[in-house]
Amino acid sequence: MPASIGALAFERGKWYCPDSGKWARAHFFLLCRHPRGSTLLGLELGTKDLGKQVQLIAEPIARALDLEVLEVICHGRGAGSAIRITLDKEGGVGIRDCEQFHQSLSRALAVADPIPFDFGLEVSSPGVDRPLKNPQDFQRVMGKLLKVKFQDPGAEPQQVIGRLVAITETGLTLTVQTGKQRQSQEVEIFWNSILEGKQQVEF
């Protein structure tokens, strides 16, 4: 992607240029190419330490904007490399949140040692297909419809689809619909049994 194209916003296959004045609703994705001479702590993109270093810079900026950094992933090595940062906040991340964070982080990265190649800085909201990995992730989707895969000790893996209604220190509780009459039943799943959780799209 040429550097002159600037920042773009994406929503599940749709994208909008800032010049158009139209922005997508979440799930958001912002990308900006940083030309040669941009700076980043003198670290080579693709090293194991890079993500941690970027996160150390990104987290204070996110807190100042009432955002939370969920994930920092570094892709590639050399020209064409990318740093992808996923943000969230209570009530969901908007395009303005992504813009403000992107601009602030870009300025912060520009005061460190130079990177001798172009790289991309990507900022996005989680999206409903992001795996739920820990209690904090599940807390953000309280009341939503989830699919949870789990495995109790000595048993085969199972999965259940239900609405998240409670979270405790030991696990979570889903309300599921069972039988032909679609009766509601609560299912409790312990944290150490959960293999994967995902939010489901509701129509």
C-alpha atoms as a PDB file:
ATOM      1  CA  MET A   1       0.000   0.000   0.000  1.00  0.00           C
ATOM      2  CA  PRO A   2       1.567   3.356  -0.961  1.00  0.00           C
ATOM      3  CA  ALA A   3       2.453   5.698   1.902  1.00  0.00           C
ATOM      4  CA  SER A   4       0.493   8.546   0.347  1.00  0.00           C
ATOM      5  CA  ILE A   5      -2.791   6.718   0.805  1.00  0.00           C
ATOM      6  CA  GLY A   6      -2.733   7.611   4.513  1.00  0.00           C
ATOM      7  CA  ALA A   7      -5.099   6.083   7.068  1.00  0.00           C
ATOM      8  CA  LEU A   8      -7.971   3.821   6.117  1.00  0.00           C
ATOM      9  CA  ALA A   9     -10.912   2.469   8.063  1.00  0.00           C
ATOM     10  CA  PHE A  10     -12.277  -1.017   7.398  1.00  0.00           C
ATOM     11  CA  GLU A  11     -15.489  -2.815   8.417  1.00  0.00           C
ATOM     12  CA  ARG A  12     -15.771  -6.445   7.351  1.00  0.00           C
ATOM     13  CA  GLY A  13     -14.721  -5.908   3.769  1.00  0.00           C
ATOM     14  CA  LYS A  14     -15.825  -2.283   3.530  1.00  0.00           C
ATOM     15  CA  TRP A  15     -13.353   0.566   3.757  1.00  0.00           C
ATOM     16  CA  TYR A  16     -13.661   4.306   3.898  1.00  0.00           C
ATOM     17  CA  CYS A  17     -11.075   6.984   3.230  1.00  0.00           C
ATOM     18  CA  PRO A  18     -10.965   9.975   5.624  1.00  0.00           C
ATOM     19  CA  ASP A  19     -11.260  12.308   2.638  1.00  0.00           C
ATOM     20  CA  SER A  20     -14.769  11.001   2.035  1.00  0.00           C
ATOM     21  CA  GLY A  21     -15.956  12.064   5.450  1.00  0.00           C
ATOM     22  CA  LYS A  22     -17.650   8.690   5.975  1.00  0.00           C
ATOM     23  CA  TRP A  23     -16.572   6.206   8.614  1.00  0.00           C
ATOM     24  CA  ALA A  24     -17.587   2.630   9.265  1.00  0.00           C
ATOM     25  CA  ARG A  25     -19.082   1.440  12.503  1.00  0.00           C
ATOM     26  CA  ALA A  26     -17.160  -1.113  14.595  1.00  0.00           C
ATOM     27  CA  HIS A  27     -15.429  -3.495  13.880  1.00  0.00           C
ATOM     28  CA  PHE A  28     -12.796  -0.793  13.092  1.00  0.00           C
ATOM     29  CA  PHE A  29      -9.388  -1.085  11.504  1.00  0.00           C
ATOM     30  CA  LEU A  30      -6.902   1.738  10.889  1.00  0.00           C
ATOM     31  CA  LEU A  31      -3.689   1.358   8.885  1.00  0.00           C
ATOM     32  CA  CYS A  32      -0.974   3.875   8.186  1.00  0.00           C
ATOM     33  CA  ARG A  33       2.383   3.237   6.508  1.00  0.00           C
ATOM     34  CA  HIS A  34       5.381   4.799   8.264  1.00  0.00           C
ATOM     35  CA  PRO A  35       8.072   5.722   5.732  1.00  0.00           C
ATOM     36  CA  ARG A  36      11.762   5.058   6.157  1.00  0.00           C
ATOM     37  CA  GLY A  37      13.219   7.201   8.894  1.00  0.00           C
ATOM     38  CA  SER A  38      10.382   6.539  11.341  1.00  0.00           C
ATOM     39  CA  THR A  39      11.620   5.536  14.777  1.00  0.00           C
ATOM     40  CA  LEU A  40      11.103   2.732  17.254  1.00  0.00           C
ATOM     41  CA  LEU A  41      13.580   2.189  20.086  1.00  0.00           C
ATOM     42  CA  GLY A  42      16.307   0.940  17.751  1.00  0.00           C
ATOM     43  CA  LEU A  43      14.755  -2.549  17.724  1.00  0.00           C
ATOM     44  CA  GLU A  44      14.422  -4.644  14.583  1.00  0.00           C
ATOM     45  CA  LEU A  45      10.831  -5.405  13.623  1.00  0.00           C
ATOM     46  CA  GLY A  46      10.071  -9.081  14.049  1.00  0.00           C
ATOM     47  CA  THR A  47      12.148  -9.604  17.194  1.00  0.00           C
ATOM     48  CA  LYS A  48      10.475 -11.114  20.244  1.00  0.00           C
ATOM     49  CA  ASP A  49      11.054  -7.977  22.309  1.00  0.00           C
ATOM     50  CA  LEU A  50       9.407  -5.621  19.841  1.00  0.00           C
ATOM     51  CA  GLY A  51       5.827  -6.344  20.876  1.00  0.00           C
ATOM     52  CA  LYS A  52       6.660  -5.816  24.547  1.00  0.00           C
ATOM     53  CA  GLN A  53       8.440  -2.539  23.843  1.00  0.00           C
ATOM     54  CA  VAL A  54       5.560  -1.226  21.752  1.00  0.00           C
ATOM     55  CA  GLN A  55       3.097  -2.264  24.445  1.00  0.00           C
ATOM     56  CA  LEU A  56       5.068  -0.345  27.089  1.00  0.00           C
ATOM     57  CA  ILE A  57       4.679   2.792  24.975  1.00  0.00           C
ATOM     58  CA  ALA A  58       1.074   2.108  23.944  1.00  0.00           C
ATOM     59  CA  GLU A  59      -0.480   1.295  27.330  1.00  0.00           C
ATOM     60  CA  PRO A  60      -0.002   4.726  29.013  1.00  0.00           C
ATOM     61  CA  ILE A  61      -1.380   6.407  25.900  1.00  0.00           C
ATOM     62  CA  ALA A  62      -4.381   4.075  25.910  1.00  0.00           C
ATOM     63  CA  ARG A  63      -5.081   4.727  29.601  1.00  0.00           C
ATOM     64  CA  ALA A  64      -5.000   8.481  29.012  1.00  0.00           C
ATOM     65  CA  LEU A  65      -7.692   7.999  26.355  1.00  0.00           C
ATOM     66  CA  ASP A  66      -9.756   5.636  28.569  1.00  0.00           C
ATOM     67  CA  LEU A  67      -8.844   2.705  26.333  1.00  0.00           C
ATOM     68  CA  GLU A  68      -7.284  -0.691  26.985  1.00  0.00           C
ATOM     69  CA  VAL A  69      -4.641  -2.423  24.884  1.00  0.00           C
ATOM     70  CA  LEU A  70      -5.806  -6.005  24.404  1.00  0.00           C
ATOM     71  CA  GLU A  71      -3.088  -7.250  22.090  1.00  0.00           C
ATOM     72  CA  VAL A  72       0.067  -6.170  20.265  1.00  0.00           C
ATOM     73  CA  ILE A  73       1.184  -8.358  17.357  1.00  0.00           C
ATOM     74  CA  CYS A  74       4.178  -7.751  15.105  1.00  0.00           C
ATOM     75  CA  HIS A  75       4.068  -9.229  11.598  1.00  0.00           C
ATOM     76  CA  GLY A  76       6.901  -9.604   9.127  1.00  0.00           C
ATOM     77  CA  ARG A  77      10.472  -8.394   9.045  1.00  0.00           C
ATOM     78  CA  GLY A  78      11.987  -5.520   7.125  1.00  0.00           C
ATOM     79  CA  ALA A  79      10.058  -3.458   4.567  1.00  0.00           C
ATOM     80  CA  GLY A  80       6.347  -4.247   4.664  1.00  0.00           C
ATOM     81  CA  SER A  81       6.351  -5.178   8.361  1.00  0.00           C
ATOM     82  CA  ALA A  82       3.368  -4.233  10.499  1.00  0.00           C
ATOM     83  CA  ILE A  83       2.539  -3.609  14.145  1.00  0.00           C
ATOM     84  CA  ARG A  84      -1.085  -4.490  14.897  1.00  0.00           C
ATOM     85  CA  ILE A  85      -2.702  -3.185  18.086  1.00  0.00           C
ATOM     86  CA  THR A  86      -6.177  -4.202  19.269  1.00  0.00           C
ATOM     87  CA  LEU A  87      -8.047  -1.791  21.576  1.00  0.00           C
ATOM     88  CA  ASP A  88     -11.185  -1.990  23.645  1.00  0.00           C
ATOM     89  CA  LYS A  89     -13.154   0.010  26.181  1.00  0.00           C
ATOM     90  CA  GLU A  90     -16.443  -0.208  28.052  1.00  0.00           C
ATOM     91  CA  GLY A  91     -19.231   0.375  25.560  1.00  0.00           C
ATOM     92  CA  GLY A  92     -17.015  -0.456  22.582  1.00  0.00           C
ATOM     93  CA  VAL A  93     -14.329   1.299  20.559  1.00  0.00           C
ATOM     94  CA  GLY A  94     -15.290   3.869  17.925  1.00  0.00           C
ATOM     95  CA  ILE A  95     -13.448   5.220  14.922  1.00  0.00           C
ATOM     96  CA  ARG A  96     -12.592   8.422  16.783  1.00  0.00           C
ATOM     97  CA  ASP A  97     -10.940   6.352  19.538  1.00  0.00           C
ATOM     98  CA  CYS A  98      -8.822   4.544  16.955  1.00  0.00           C
ATOM     99  CA  GLU A  99      -7.863   7.822  15.280  1.00  0.00           C
ATOM    100  CA  GLN A 100      -6.801   9.528  18.505  1.00  0.00           C
ATOM    101  CA  PHE A 101      -4.794   6.542  19.695  1.00  0.00           C
ATOM    102  CA  HIS A 102      -3.165   6.073  16.290  1.00  0.00           C
ATOM    103  CA  GLN A 103      -2.083   9.712  16.130  1.00  0.00           C
ATOM    104  CA  SER A 104      -0.769   9.777  19.701  1.00  0.00           C
ATOM    105  CA  LEU A 105       1.139   6.510  19.362  1.00  0.00           C
ATOM    106  CA  SER A 106       2.625   7.572  16.015  1.00  0.00           C
ATOM    107  CA  ARG A 107       4.016  10.713  17.648  1.00  0.00           C
ATOM    108  CA  ALA A 108       5.423   8.697  20.548  1.00  0.00           C
ATOM    109  CA  LEU A 109       7.125   6.213  18.244  1.00  0.00           C
ATOM    110  CA  ALA A 110       8.628   9.063  16.240  1.00  0.00           C
ATOM    111  CA  VAL A 111      10.905  10.182  19.097  1.00  0.00           C
ATOM    112  CA  ALA A 112      12.957   6.968  19.401  1.00  0.00           C
ATOM    113  CA  ASP A 113      15.801   5.537  17.278  1.00  0.00           C
ATOM    114  CA  PRO A 114      15.220   5.191  13.505  1.00  0.00           C
ATOM    115  CA  ILE A 115      13.949   2.019  11.822  1.00  0.00           C
ATOM    116  CA  PRO A 116      15.746   1.569   8.481  1.00  0.00           C
ATOM    117  CA  PHE A 117      12.635   0.454   6.591  1.00  0.00           C
ATOM    118  CA  ASP A 118       8.935   1.199   6.125  1.00  0.00           C
ATOM    119  CA  PHE A 119       6.442  -0.329   8.548  1.00  0.00           C
ATOM    120  CA  GLY A 120       2.696  -0.223   9.072  1.00  0.00           C
ATOM    121  CA  LEU A 121       0.921   0.738  12.285  1.00  0.00           C
ATOM    122  CA  GLU A 122      -2.509  -0.897  12.491  1.00  0.00           C
ATOM    123  CA  VAL A 123      -5.117  -0.092  15.153  1.00  0.00           C
ATOM    124  CA  SER A 124      -8.394  -1.975  15.435  1.00  0.00           C
ATOM    125  CA  SER A 125     -11.276  -2.864  17.712  1.00  0.00           C
ATOM    126  CA  PRO A 126     -11.658  -6.508  18.760  1.00  0.00           C
ATOM    127  CA  GLY A 127     -14.516  -7.649  16.517  1.00  0.00           C
ATOM    128  CA  VAL A 128     -16.985 -10.346  17.527  1.00  0.00           C
ATOM    129  CA  ASP A 129     -14.800 -13.154  16.163  1.00  0.00           C
ATOM    130  CA  ARG A 130     -11.916 -12.460  18.538  1.00  0.00           C
ATOM    131  CA  PRO A 131     -11.311 -15.436  20.874  1.00  0.00           C
ATOM    132  CA  LEU A 132     -12.160 -14.856  24.530  1.00  0.00           C
ATOM    133  CA  LYS A 133      -9.138 -15.973  26.506  1.00  0.00           C
ATOM    134  CA  ASN A 134      -9.416 -14.774  30.105  1.00  0.00           C
ATOM    135  CA  PRO A 135     -11.975 -13.529  32.668  1.00  0.00           C
ATOM    136  CA  GLN A 136     -11.436  -9.918  31.563  1.00  0.00           C
ATOM    137  CA  ASP A 137     -12.388 -10.827  27.985  1.00  0.00           C
ATOM    138  CA  PHE A 138     -15.566 -12.528  29.171  1.00  0.00           C
ATOM    139  CA  GLN A 139     -16.420  -9.601  31.446  1.00  0.00           C
ATOM    140  CA  ARG A 140     -16.531  -7.322  28.404  1.00  0.00           C
ATOM    141  CA  VAL A 141     -19.216  -9.454  26.752  1.00  0.00           C
ATOM    142  CA  MET A 142     -21.525  -9.874  29.752  1.00  0.00           C
ATOM    143  CA  GLY A 143     -25.071 -10.435  28.508  1.00  0.00           C
ATOM    144  CA  LYS A 144     -23.956 -11.480  25.021  1.00  0.00           C
ATOM    145  CA  LEU A 145     -24.548 -14.788  23.245  1.00  0.00           C
ATOM    146  CA  LEU A 146     -21.410 -16.956  23.369  1.00  0.00           C
ATOM    147  CA  LYS A 147     -20.128 -20.288  22.142  1.00  0.00           C
ATOM    148  CA  VAL A 148     -17.863 -21.880  24.731  1.00  0.00           C
ATOM    149  CA  LYS A 149     -15.778 -25.003  24.207  1.00  0.00           C
ATOM    150  CA  PHE A 150     -14.750 -26.741  27.421  1.00  0.00           C
ATOM    151  CA  GLN A 151     -13.450 -30.036  28.753  1.00  0.00           C
ATOM    152  CA  ASP A 152     -14.049 -31.341  32.247  1.00  0.00           C
ATOM    153  CA  PRO A 153     -11.394 -33.630  33.786  1.00  0.00           C
ATOM    154  CA  GLY A 154     -11.671 -37.148  32.374  1.00  0.00           C
ATOM    155  CA  ALA A 155     -14.383 -36.157  29.884  1.00  0.00           C
ATOM    156  CA  GLU A 156     -14.545 -35.462  26.153  1.00  0.00           C
ATOM    157  CA  PRO A 157     -14.495 -31.844  24.906  1.00  0.00           C
ATOM    158  CA  GLN A 158     -17.939 -30.222  24.674  1.00  0.00           C
ATOM    159  CA  GLN A 159     -19.355 -26.960  23.445  1.00  0.00           C
ATOM    160  CA  VAL A 160     -22.400 -24.967  24.452  1.00  0.00           C
ATOM    161  CA  ILE A 161     -24.078 -21.845  23.098  1.00  0.00           C
ATOM    162  CA  GLY A 162     -25.741 -19.596  25.623  1.00  0.00           C
ATOM    163  CA  ARG A 163     -26.049 -16.109  27.051  1.00  0.00           C
ATOM    164  CA  LEU A 164     -23.460 -15.048  29.599  1.00  0.00           C
ATOM    165  CA  VAL A 165     -25.308 -14.145  32.794  1.00  0.00           C
ATOM    166  CA  ALA A 166     -22.698 -14.386  35.564  1.00  0.00           C
ATOM    167  CA  ILE A 167     -18.961 -14.404  36.214  1.00  0.00           C
ATOM    168  CA  THR A 168     -17.349 -15.531  39.468  1.00  0.00           C
ATOM    169  CA  GLU A 169     -13.853 -16.297  40.716  1.00  0.00           C
ATOM    170  CA  THR A 170     -14.305 -19.951  39.761  1.00  0.00           C
ATOM    171  CA  GLY A 171     -15.996 -19.666  36.372  1.00  0.00           C
ATOM    172  CA  LEU A 172     -18.924 -18.367  34.366  1.00  0.00           C
ATOM    173  CA  THR A 173     -22.616 -19.154  33.948  1.00  0.00           C
ATOM    174  CA  LEU A 174     -24.487 -19.348  30.646  1.00  0.00           C
ATOM    175  CA  THR A 175     -28.229 -19.522  30.108  1.00  0.00           C
ATOM    176  CA  VAL A 176     -28.912 -22.036  27.341  1.00  0.00           C
ATOM    177  CA  GLN A 177     -32.108 -23.060  25.553  1.00  0.00           C
ATOM    178  CA  THR A 178     -32.737 -26.827  25.677  1.00  0.00           C
ATOM    179  CA  GLY A 179     -35.340 -29.250  24.335  1.00  0.00           C
ATOM    180  CA  LYS A 180     -38.170 -28.720  21.878  1.00  0.00           C
ATOM    181  CA  GLN A 181     -39.812 -26.248  24.238  1.00  0.00           C
ATOM    182  CA  ARG A 182     -36.620 -24.182  24.315  1.00  0.00           C
ATOM    183  CA  GLN A 183     -36.592 -24.103  28.087  1.00  0.00           C
ATOM    184  CA  SER A 184     -33.902 -22.041  29.783  1.00  0.00           C
ATOM    185  CA  GLN A 185     -31.246 -23.826  31.770  1.00  0.00           C
ATOM    186  CA  GLU A 186     -28.159 -22.435  33.490  1.00  0.00           C
ATOM    187  CA  VAL A 187     -24.813 -24.073  32.794  1.00  0.00           C
ATOM    188  CA  GLU A 188     -21.783 -23.325  34.967  1.00  0.00           C
ATOM    189  CA  ILE A 189     -18.321 -23.757  33.435  1.00  0.00           C
ATOM    190  CA  PHE A 190     -15.102 -23.535  35.443  1.00  0.00           C
ATOM    191  CA  TRP A 191     -12.230 -21.382  34.185  1.00  0.00           C
ATOM    192  CA  ASN A 192      -9.768 -24.271  34.119  1.00  0.00           C
ATOM    193  CA  SER A 193     -12.155 -26.243  31.881  1.00  0.00           C
ATOM    194  CA  ILE A 194     -12.587 -23.580  29.183  1.00  0.00           C
ATOM    195  CA  LEU A 195     -10.780 -24.262  25.921  1.00  0.00           C
ATOM    196  CA  GLU A 196     -12.164 -21.392  23.849  1.00  0.00           C
ATOM    197  CA  GLY A 197     -14.907 -18.829  23.873  1.00  0.00           C
ATOM    198  CA  LYS A 198     -16.338 -16.684  21.072  1.00  0.00           C
ATOM    199  CA  GLN A 199     -19.120 -14.158  20.843  1.00  0.00           C
ATOM    200  CA  GLN A 200     -21.901 -15.130  18.448  1.00  0.00           C
ATOM    201  CA  VAL A 201     -23.490 -12.826  15.894  1.00  0.00           C
ATOM    202  CA  GLU A 202     -27.154 -12.208  16.705  1.00  0.00           C
ATOM    203  CA  PHE A 203     -29.751 -11.298  14.077  1.00  0.00           C
END
